[in-house]
Amino acid sequence: MERLHDILAFVAEGAILVFEFMGVFVLILSGIIGIYNYFRKNPFTRLNLAKGMSMGLEFKLGSEILRTVVVRDWKEIFLVAGIIILRASLTLLIHWEITNEKKEFEELEPREREHLDAK
């Protein structure tokens, strides 16, 4: 039984690292693309950046959920729970921002929308 626990811990730690790296990679890539779009004056910069940040945070949240598999004591459980709550709150906030950005774009007059799409 101890052997199975060691295998599970090994697999979980590997998956946690993969999710953490993917989250960081997505956040960095989204930031770089956001900077590029900002200087190009792309009207969808905030929306695209928020979507990228949300995706990166989803990977990071996934790694924290996996981390619950390998925690051993209550102190670690509370720490992981706090991190999950913070990241989930950030994700919800970003999704709210994405929804508001989409609503603003949809409320524009059709002529204004065509002008923004052409950029």
Protein backbone atom coordinates (compact mmCIF):
# COMPACT_ATOMS: atom_id res chain seq x y z
CA MET A 1 0.00 0.00 0.00
CA GLU A 2 2.88 2.35 0.76
CA ARG A 3 4.27 1.65 -2.72
CA LEU A 4 0.98 2.77 -4.33
CA HIS A 5 1.03 5.95 -2.28
CA ASP A 6 4.59 6.68 -3.42
CA ILE A 7 3.60 6.14 -7.06
CA LEU A 8 0.56 8.40 -6.65
CA ALA A 9 2.68 11.10 -5.02
CA PHE A 10 5.28 10.85 -7.80
CA VAL A 11 2.66 11.12 -10.58
CA ALA A 12 0.84 13.96 -8.79
CA GLU A 13 4.07 15.93 -8.27
CA GLY A 14 4.93 15.54 -11.97
CA ALA A 15 1.47 16.67 -13.04
CA ILE A 16 1.64 19.61 -10.62
CA LEU A 17 4.90 20.75 -12.20
CA VAL A 18 3.46 20.43 -15.72
CA PHE A 19 0.36 22.46 -14.79
CA GLU A 20 2.44 25.10 -12.99
CA PHE A 21 4.76 25.51 -16.00
CA MET A 22 1.82 25.66 -18.40
CA GLY A 23 0.14 28.30 -16.26
CA VAL A 24 3.28 30.42 -16.12
CA PHE A 25 3.90 29.95 -19.85
CA VAL A 26 0.34 31.00 -20.74
CA LEU A 27 0.52 34.05 -18.44
CA ILE A 28 3.85 35.18 -19.89
CA LEU A 29 2.73 34.60 -23.48
CA SER A 30 -0.54 36.45 -22.87
CA GLY A 31 1.37 39.36 -21.34
CA ILE A 32 3.75 39.60 -24.30
CA ILE A 33 0.88 39.44 -26.79
CA GLY A 34 -1.00 42.01 -24.69
CA ILE A 35 1.94 44.41 -24.82
CA TYR A 36 2.21 43.93 -28.59
CA ASN A 37 -1.53 44.53 -29.07
CA TYR A 38 -1.43 47.55 -26.75
CA PHE A 39 1.16 49.28 -28.93
CA ARG A 40 -0.81 48.33 -32.05
CA LYS A 41 -3.84 49.97 -30.38
CA ASN A 42 -5.93 46.82 -30.79
CA PRO A 43 -9.36 47.51 -29.24
CA PHE A 44 -9.57 43.93 -27.99
CA THR A 45 -6.34 44.06 -25.98
CA ARG A 46 -8.03 44.03 -22.57
CA LEU A 47 -10.40 41.24 -23.56
CA ASN A 48 -7.66 39.04 -25.01
CA LEU A 49 -5.35 39.71 -22.08
CA ALA A 50 -8.11 38.83 -19.60
CA LYS A 51 -8.81 35.59 -21.48
CA GLY A 52 -5.12 34.66 -21.40
CA MET A 53 -4.83 35.47 -17.70
CA SER A 54 -7.92 33.41 -17.01
CA MET A 55 -6.50 30.42 -18.87
CA GLY A 56 -3.18 30.70 -17.05
CA LEU A 57 -4.95 30.88 -13.70
CA GLU A 58 -7.02 27.81 -14.60
CA PHE A 59 -3.80 25.81 -15.06
CA LYS A 60 -2.45 27.13 -11.76
CA LEU A 61 -5.73 26.28 -10.03
CA GLY A 62 -5.55 22.77 -11.46
CA SER A 63 -2.09 22.32 -9.97
CA GLU A 64 -3.34 23.43 -6.56
CA ILE A 65 -6.24 20.99 -6.70
CA LEU A 66 -3.77 18.20 -7.53
CA ARG A 67 -1.60 19.34 -4.64
CA THR A 68 -4.42 18.34 -2.27
CA VAL A 69 -3.65 14.71 -3.16
CA VAL A 70 -0.19 14.83 -1.59
CA VAL A 71 -0.68 17.05 1.48
CA ARG A 72 0.03 15.33 4.77
CA ASP A 73 -1.08 17.59 7.64
CA TRP A 74 -3.72 20.21 8.46
CA LYS A 75 -1.36 23.16 8.10
CA GLU A 76 -0.68 22.22 4.47
CA ILE A 77 -4.38 21.63 3.84
CA PHE A 78 -5.27 25.11 5.10
CA LEU A 79 -2.49 26.65 3.03
CA VAL A 80 -3.61 24.88 -0.15
CA ALA A 81 -7.26 25.75 0.58
CA GLY A 82 -6.33 29.43 0.96
CA ILE A 83 -4.43 29.40 -2.33
CA ILE A 84 -7.35 27.71 -4.09
CA ILE A 85 -9.79 30.28 -2.72
CA LEU A 86 -7.56 33.18 -3.85
CA ARG A 87 -7.01 31.77 -7.34
CA ALA A 88 -10.67 30.89 -7.77
CA SER A 89 -11.61 34.43 -6.71
CA LEU A 90 -9.19 35.90 -9.23
CA THR A 91 -10.56 33.64 -11.94
CA LEU A 92 -14.14 34.72 -11.17
CA LEU A 93 -13.09 38.37 -11.20
CA ILE A 94 -11.40 37.96 -14.58
CA HIS A 95 -14.43 36.14 -16.01
CA TRP A 96 -16.60 39.01 -14.81
CA GLU A 97 -14.26 41.44 -16.59
CA ILE A 98 -14.44 39.38 -19.80
CA THR A 99 -18.24 39.38 -19.65
CA ASN A 100 -18.33 43.16 -19.19
CA GLU A 101 -15.90 43.73 -22.06
CA LYS A 102 -18.04 41.58 -24.36
CA LYS A 103 -21.20 43.45 -23.32
CA GLU A 104 -19.55 46.81 -24.03
CA PHE A 105 -18.53 45.63 -27.49
CA GLU A 106 -22.01 44.26 -28.24
CA GLU A 107 -23.63 47.55 -27.15
CA LEU A 108 -21.67 49.54 -29.72
CA GLU A 109 -23.45 50.70 -32.82
CA PRO A 110 -22.90 48.44 -35.84
CA ARG A 111 -20.85 51.13 -37.61
CA GLU A 112 -18.56 51.51 -34.59
CA ARG A 113 -18.17 47.73 -34.36
CA GLU A 114 -17.17 47.49 -38.03
CA HIS A 115 -14.62 50.26 -37.46
CA LEU A 116 -13.11 48.36 -34.50
CA ASP A 117 -13.12 45.03 -36.37
CA ALA A 118 -11.21 46.66 -39.24
CA LYS A 119 -8.34 47.65 -36.94
